[in-house]
């Protein structure tokens, strides 16, 4: 089972990582100012990830979907990435770069599987 790990950033803010059962990070958040706002971001991932469709921006002429949604795109290095947008259009989680589109889509499926029941823990220093 996955877990959300809240940790401090070097700048003194907070962010979370969603880790799969094997400990691998599958999504990361933006930086938050408080634990409460970080937990709201986690709740947004828990609620939106299972229902968000995938908007594949790597396809020419793709159909723009309503939020919440996962956006899949190619970065400047040509790697495939995703971001989860909440209903309000805010980005609540992003994934790492993948060399293959299928691996990126597998990352999204892992979030859908792990996020809803994932426990929330504070990172120990």
N, C-alpha and C. Protein backbone atom coordinates (compact mmCIF):
# COMPACT_ATOMS: atom_id res chain seq x y z
N UNK A 1 0.84 -1.17 0.00
CA UNK A 1 0.00 0.00 0.00
C UNK A 1 0.89 1.25 0.00
N UNK A 2 0.43 2.29 -0.68
CA UNK A 2 1.20 3.52 -0.77
C UNK A 2 1.06 4.39 0.46
N UNK A 3 1.89 5.44 0.48
CA UNK A 3 1.79 6.41 1.57
C UNK A 3 2.24 7.78 1.09
N UNK A 4 1.63 8.80 1.66
CA UNK A 4 2.03 10.17 1.43
C UNK A 4 3.02 10.54 2.52
N UNK A 5 4.20 11.00 2.11
CA UNK A 5 5.23 11.38 3.07
C UNK A 5 5.41 12.90 2.98
N UNK A 6 5.11 13.58 4.09
CA UNK A 6 5.28 15.04 4.15
C UNK A 6 6.68 15.33 4.67
N UNK A 7 7.38 16.19 3.96
CA UNK A 7 8.73 16.55 4.37
C UNK A 7 9.01 18.02 4.13
N UNK A 8 10.04 18.51 4.79
CA UNK A 8 10.44 19.91 4.63
C UNK A 8 11.35 20.06 3.42
N UNK A 9 11.24 21.22 2.77
CA UNK A 9 12.14 21.55 1.67
C UNK A 9 13.31 22.36 2.22
N UNK A 10 14.32 22.56 1.41
CA UNK A 10 15.49 23.34 1.84
C UNK A 10 15.11 24.79 2.12
N UNK A 11 14.05 25.27 1.47
CA UNK A 11 13.62 26.65 1.67
C UNK A 11 12.70 26.82 2.89
N UNK A 12 12.44 25.71 3.60
CA UNK A 12 11.61 25.79 4.80
C UNK A 12 10.14 25.52 4.57
N UNK A 13 9.74 25.28 3.33
CA UNK A 13 8.35 24.92 3.05
C UNK A 13 8.13 23.43 3.25
N UNK A 14 6.96 22.97 2.87
CA UNK A 14 6.62 21.56 2.98
C UNK A 14 6.16 21.04 1.62
N UNK A 15 6.43 19.78 1.36
CA UNK A 15 5.90 19.12 0.18
C UNK A 15 5.63 17.66 0.53
N UNK A 16 4.87 16.99 -0.31
CA UNK A 16 4.64 15.57 -0.10
C UNK A 16 5.10 14.78 -1.31
N UNK A 17 5.48 13.55 -1.02
CA UNK A 17 5.76 12.56 -2.05
C UNK A 17 4.77 11.42 -1.84
N UNK A 18 4.17 10.95 -2.91
CA UNK A 18 3.36 9.74 -2.84
C UNK A 18 4.29 8.60 -3.21
N UNK A 19 4.44 7.66 -2.27
CA UNK A 19 5.32 6.52 -2.50
C UNK A 19 4.48 5.25 -2.65
N UNK A 20 4.88 4.42 -3.60
CA UNK A 20 4.23 3.13 -3.80
C UNK A 20 4.64 2.19 -2.68
N UNK A 21 4.02 1.04 -2.61
CA UNK A 21 4.34 0.05 -1.58
C UNK A 21 5.80 -0.35 -1.55
N UNK A 22 6.49 -0.26 -2.71
CA UNK A 22 7.91 -0.63 -2.77
C UNK A 22 8.82 0.54 -2.39
N UNK A 23 8.23 1.68 -1.99
CA UNK A 23 9.02 2.83 -1.56
C UNK A 23 9.39 3.80 -2.67
N UNK A 24 9.06 3.46 -3.92
CA UNK A 24 9.40 4.33 -5.04
C UNK A 24 8.46 5.54 -5.07
N UNK A 25 9.03 6.72 -5.28
CA UNK A 25 8.23 7.95 -5.39
C UNK A 25 7.53 7.95 -6.74
N UNK A 26 6.19 8.10 -6.72
CA UNK A 26 5.43 8.11 -7.97
C UNK A 26 4.83 9.48 -8.27
N UNK A 27 4.79 10.37 -7.28
CA UNK A 27 4.31 11.73 -7.51
C UNK A 27 4.85 12.64 -6.42
N UNK A 28 5.02 13.91 -6.77
CA UNK A 28 5.53 14.93 -5.85
C UNK A 28 4.62 16.15 -5.94
N UNK A 29 4.54 16.88 -4.85
CA UNK A 29 3.69 18.07 -4.82
C UNK A 29 4.49 19.34 -5.05
N UNK A 30 3.76 20.43 -5.09
CA UNK A 30 4.35 21.76 -5.04
C UNK A 30 4.80 22.02 -3.61
N UNK A 31 5.34 23.19 -3.34
CA UNK A 31 5.76 23.55 -1.99
C UNK A 31 4.59 24.28 -1.30
N UNK A 32 4.32 23.87 -0.08
CA UNK A 32 3.25 24.46 0.73
C UNK A 32 3.86 25.20 1.91
N UNK A 33 3.10 26.14 2.46
CA UNK A 33 3.58 26.93 3.60
C UNK A 33 3.25 26.29 4.94
N UNK A 34 2.22 25.44 4.98
CA UNK A 34 1.81 24.85 6.26
C UNK A 34 1.44 23.39 6.09
N UNK A 35 1.44 22.66 7.20
CA UNK A 35 1.04 21.25 7.20
C UNK A 35 -0.41 21.14 6.75
N UNK A 36 -1.25 22.07 7.22
CA UNK A 36 -2.66 22.03 6.87
C UNK A 36 -2.87 22.16 5.36
N UNK A 37 -2.18 23.11 4.73
CA UNK A 37 -2.34 23.28 3.28
C UNK A 37 -1.75 22.08 2.52
N UNK A 38 -0.68 21.50 3.05
CA UNK A 38 -0.10 20.30 2.44
C UNK A 38 -1.09 19.14 2.50
N UNK A 39 -1.77 18.99 3.63
CA UNK A 39 -2.77 17.92 3.78
C UNK A 39 -3.97 18.15 2.86
N UNK A 40 -4.31 19.41 2.60
CA UNK A 40 -5.39 19.70 1.64
C UNK A 40 -4.97 19.26 0.24
N UNK A 41 -3.70 19.47 -0.10
CA UNK A 41 -3.19 19.01 -1.39
C UNK A 41 -3.24 17.49 -1.50
N UNK A 42 -2.89 16.81 -0.42
CA UNK A 42 -2.96 15.34 -0.39
C UNK A 42 -4.40 14.88 -0.59
N UNK A 43 -5.32 15.53 0.11
CA UNK A 43 -6.73 15.16 -0.02
C UNK A 43 -7.21 15.35 -1.46
N UNK A 44 -6.73 16.41 -2.12
CA UNK A 44 -7.09 16.65 -3.50
C UNK A 44 -6.61 15.51 -4.40
N UNK A 45 -5.41 15.02 -4.15
CA UNK A 45 -4.90 13.88 -4.93
C UNK A 45 -5.75 12.64 -4.66
N UNK A 46 -6.06 12.39 -3.39
CA UNK A 46 -6.87 11.22 -3.03
C UNK A 46 -8.23 11.24 -3.72
N UNK A 47 -8.84 12.42 -3.80
CA UNK A 47 -10.18 12.56 -4.39
C UNK A 47 -10.13 12.56 -5.92
N UNK A 48 -9.17 13.28 -6.49
CA UNK A 48 -9.17 13.48 -7.94
C UNK A 48 -8.48 12.40 -8.75
N UNK A 49 -7.43 11.78 -8.22
CA UNK A 49 -6.66 10.80 -9.00
C UNK A 49 -7.52 9.65 -9.54
N UNK A 50 -8.41 9.07 -8.72
CA UNK A 50 -9.18 7.93 -9.24
C UNK A 50 -10.15 8.27 -10.36
N UNK A 51 -10.58 9.53 -10.44
CA UNK A 51 -11.61 9.90 -11.43
C UNK A 51 -11.09 10.74 -12.59
N UNK A 52 -9.85 11.20 -12.50
CA UNK A 52 -9.31 12.11 -13.51
C UNK A 52 -8.96 11.37 -14.79
N UNK A 53 -9.51 11.81 -15.93
CA UNK A 53 -9.12 11.21 -17.19
C UNK A 53 -7.72 11.70 -17.62
N UNK A 54 -7.16 11.07 -18.63
CA UNK A 54 -5.83 11.44 -19.12
C UNK A 54 -5.98 12.26 -20.40
N UNK A 55 -5.38 13.44 -20.39
CA UNK A 55 -5.30 14.29 -21.57
C UNK A 55 -3.90 14.12 -22.15
N UNK A 56 -3.79 13.44 -23.26
CA UNK A 56 -2.49 13.14 -23.86
C UNK A 56 -2.07 14.29 -24.77
N UNK A 57 -1.25 15.18 -24.23
CA UNK A 57 -0.81 16.35 -24.98
C UNK A 57 0.33 16.05 -25.94
N UNK A 58 0.73 14.78 -26.02
CA UNK A 58 1.78 14.40 -26.96
C UNK A 58 1.20 14.12 -28.34
N UNK A 59 -0.12 14.06 -28.43
CA UNK A 59 -0.81 13.79 -29.69
C UNK A 59 -1.24 15.11 -30.31
N UNK A 60 -0.91 15.30 -31.57
CA UNK A 60 -1.28 16.54 -32.25
C UNK A 60 -2.81 16.64 -32.33
N UNK A 61 -3.34 17.81 -32.01
CA UNK A 61 -4.77 18.04 -32.07
C UNK A 61 -5.55 17.36 -30.96
N UNK A 62 -4.88 17.11 -29.81
CA UNK A 62 -5.56 16.44 -28.69
C UNK A 62 -6.77 17.24 -28.22
N UNK A 63 -7.75 16.54 -27.68
CA UNK A 63 -8.95 17.19 -27.14
C UNK A 63 -8.66 17.67 -25.72
N UNK A 64 -8.94 18.93 -25.46
CA UNK A 64 -8.72 19.48 -24.12
C UNK A 64 -9.86 19.05 -23.21
N UNK A 65 -9.51 18.41 -22.09
CA UNK A 65 -10.51 17.89 -21.15
C UNK A 65 -10.71 18.86 -20.00
N UNK A 66 -11.85 18.70 -19.33
CA UNK A 66 -12.13 19.51 -18.14
C UNK A 66 -11.34 18.97 -16.96
N UNK A 67 -11.09 19.84 -15.99
CA UNK A 67 -10.44 19.43 -14.74
C UNK A 67 -11.47 18.74 -13.86
N UNK A 68 -11.08 17.79 -13.02
CA UNK A 68 -9.72 17.31 -12.80
C UNK A 68 -9.26 16.44 -13.96
N UNK A 69 -7.94 16.42 -14.16
CA UNK A 69 -7.37 15.61 -15.23
C UNK A 69 -5.89 15.40 -15.01
N UNK A 70 -5.38 14.34 -15.61
CA UNK A 70 -3.94 14.13 -15.72
C UNK A 70 -3.55 14.67 -17.09
N UNK A 71 -2.54 15.52 -17.12
CA UNK A 71 -1.99 15.98 -18.39
C UNK A 71 -0.68 15.24 -18.62
N UNK A 72 -0.57 14.59 -19.76
CA UNK A 72 0.66 13.90 -20.16
C UNK A 72 1.29 14.73 -21.26
N UNK A 73 2.58 15.02 -21.12
CA UNK A 73 3.28 15.86 -22.08
C UNK A 73 4.74 15.44 -22.19
N UNK A 74 5.40 15.93 -23.24
CA UNK A 74 6.83 15.68 -23.42
C UNK A 74 7.58 16.94 -22.99
N UNK A 75 8.61 16.76 -22.15
CA UNK A 75 9.39 17.91 -21.68
C UNK A 75 10.47 18.26 -22.71
N UNK A 76 11.30 19.23 -22.37
CA UNK A 76 12.34 19.71 -23.30
C UNK A 76 13.37 18.64 -23.65
N UNK A 77 13.55 17.66 -22.75
CA UNK A 77 14.50 16.56 -23.01
C UNK A 77 13.86 15.45 -23.83
N UNK A 78 12.54 15.56 -24.08
CA UNK A 78 11.84 14.51 -24.81
C UNK A 78 11.31 13.41 -23.91
N UNK A 79 11.39 13.62 -22.60
CA UNK A 79 10.85 12.64 -21.67
C UNK A 79 9.36 12.91 -21.45
N UNK A 80 8.63 11.83 -21.14
CA UNK A 80 7.19 11.94 -20.89
C UNK A 80 6.97 12.21 -19.41
N UNK A 81 6.09 13.17 -19.13
CA UNK A 81 5.77 13.56 -17.75
C UNK A 81 4.26 13.69 -17.61
N UNK A 82 3.81 13.68 -16.36
CA UNK A 82 2.40 13.96 -16.11
C UNK A 82 2.26 14.94 -14.96
N UNK A 83 1.13 15.61 -14.96
CA UNK A 83 0.74 16.46 -13.83
C UNK A 83 -0.74 16.23 -13.60
N UNK A 84 -1.12 16.20 -12.33
CA UNK A 84 -2.52 16.06 -11.95
C UNK A 84 -3.05 17.43 -11.61
N UNK A 85 -4.10 17.83 -12.28
CA UNK A 85 -4.74 19.10 -12.00
C UNK A 85 -6.06 18.85 -11.27
N UNK A 86 -6.30 19.63 -10.22
CA UNK A 86 -7.54 19.54 -9.46
C UNK A 86 -8.67 20.23 -10.23
N UNK A 87 -9.87 20.17 -9.68
CA UNK A 87 -11.03 20.81 -10.32
C UNK A 87 -10.81 22.30 -10.59
N UNK A 88 -10.07 22.97 -9.70
CA UNK A 88 -9.85 24.41 -9.83
C UNK A 88 -8.68 24.75 -10.77
N UNK A 89 -8.08 23.73 -11.38
CA UNK A 89 -6.99 23.94 -12.32
C UNK A 89 -5.60 23.98 -11.70
N UNK A 90 -5.53 23.90 -10.37
CA UNK A 90 -4.23 23.89 -9.68
C UNK A 90 -3.53 22.55 -9.91
N UNK A 91 -2.23 22.60 -10.11
CA UNK A 91 -1.43 21.38 -10.22
C UNK A 91 -1.19 20.88 -8.80
N UNK A 92 -1.64 19.66 -8.49
CA UNK A 92 -1.48 19.12 -7.14
C UNK A 92 -0.43 18.02 -7.04
N UNK A 93 -0.02 17.46 -8.18
CA UNK A 93 1.03 16.43 -8.16
C UNK A 93 1.65 16.33 -9.54
N UNK A 94 2.95 16.04 -9.56
CA UNK A 94 3.66 15.86 -10.82
C UNK A 94 4.49 14.56 -10.73
N UNK A 95 4.78 14.01 -11.89
CA UNK A 95 5.58 12.80 -11.94
C UNK A 95 6.97 13.07 -12.47
N UNK A 96 7.82 12.07 -12.36
CA UNK A 96 9.18 12.16 -12.88
C UNK A 96 9.15 12.03 -14.40
N UNK A 97 10.31 12.19 -15.03
CA UNK A 97 10.41 11.99 -16.47
C UNK A 97 10.55 10.51 -16.81
N UNK A 98 9.83 10.07 -17.82
CA UNK A 98 9.88 8.68 -18.29
C UNK A 98 10.35 8.68 -19.74
N UNK A 99 11.13 7.68 -20.12
CA UNK A 99 11.60 7.60 -21.50
C UNK A 99 10.52 7.05 -22.43
N UNK A 100 9.55 6.32 -21.89
CA UNK A 100 8.48 5.75 -22.71
C UNK A 100 7.12 6.22 -22.22
N UNK A 101 6.22 6.50 -23.16
CA UNK A 101 4.87 6.94 -22.82
C UNK A 101 4.16 5.90 -21.97
N UNK A 102 4.33 4.62 -22.30
CA UNK A 102 3.67 3.56 -21.55
C UNK A 102 4.09 3.59 -20.07
N UNK A 103 5.34 3.86 -19.80
CA UNK A 103 5.82 3.94 -18.41
C UNK A 103 5.17 5.12 -17.69
N UNK A 104 5.00 6.23 -18.38
CA UNK A 104 4.34 7.40 -17.81
C UNK A 104 2.89 7.07 -17.46
N UNK A 105 2.21 6.40 -18.36
CA UNK A 105 0.81 6.00 -18.11
C UNK A 105 0.73 4.99 -16.97
N UNK A 106 1.73 4.12 -16.85
CA UNK A 106 1.78 3.18 -15.72
C UNK A 106 1.94 3.95 -14.40
N UNK A 107 2.71 5.05 -14.41
CA UNK A 107 2.85 5.90 -13.24
C UNK A 107 1.51 6.48 -12.80
N UNK A 108 0.71 6.91 -13.77
CA UNK A 108 -0.63 7.43 -13.46
C UNK A 108 -1.49 6.34 -12.85
N UNK A 109 -1.44 5.14 -13.42
CA UNK A 109 -2.23 4.03 -12.86
C UNK A 109 -1.80 3.70 -11.44
N UNK A 110 -0.51 3.82 -11.17
CA UNK A 110 -0.01 3.57 -9.82
C UNK A 110 -0.56 4.60 -8.83
N UNK A 111 -0.67 5.85 -9.26
CA UNK A 111 -1.26 6.88 -8.41
C UNK A 111 -2.73 6.55 -8.14
N UNK A 112 -3.45 6.20 -9.19
CA UNK A 112 -4.87 5.85 -9.03
C UNK A 112 -5.06 4.71 -8.04
N UNK A 113 -4.14 3.76 -8.08
CA UNK A 113 -4.22 2.59 -7.21
C UNK A 113 -3.79 2.91 -5.77
N UNK A 114 -2.73 3.69 -5.62
CA UNK A 114 -2.15 3.91 -4.29
C UNK A 114 -2.73 5.09 -3.52
N UNK A 115 -3.14 6.15 -4.19
CA UNK A 115 -3.53 7.38 -3.50
C UNK A 115 -4.77 7.28 -2.61
N UNK A 116 -5.86 6.65 -3.07
CA UNK A 116 -7.09 6.73 -2.27
C UNK A 116 -6.95 6.23 -0.83
N UNK A 117 -6.23 5.17 -0.60
CA UNK A 117 -6.13 4.58 0.74
C UNK A 117 -4.77 4.81 1.41
N UNK A 118 -3.94 5.64 0.80
CA UNK A 118 -2.59 5.85 1.33
C UNK A 118 -2.63 6.60 2.65
N UNK A 119 -1.83 6.13 3.61
CA UNK A 119 -1.72 6.84 4.88
C UNK A 119 -0.84 8.07 4.70
N UNK A 120 -0.95 9.00 5.64
CA UNK A 120 -0.15 10.21 5.61
C UNK A 120 0.83 10.15 6.77
N UNK A 121 2.11 10.29 6.45
CA UNK A 121 3.15 10.25 7.50
C UNK A 121 4.06 11.47 7.35
N UNK A 122 4.63 11.88 8.45
CA UNK A 122 5.59 12.99 8.46
C UNK A 122 6.98 12.38 8.37
N UNK A 123 7.81 12.92 7.51
CA UNK A 123 9.16 12.41 7.32
C UNK A 123 9.98 12.62 8.57
N UNK A 124 10.69 11.59 8.96
CA UNK A 124 11.57 11.66 10.14
C UNK A 124 12.94 12.12 9.70
N UNK A 125 13.55 12.98 10.47
CA UNK A 125 14.90 13.46 10.12
C UNK A 125 15.96 12.66 10.81
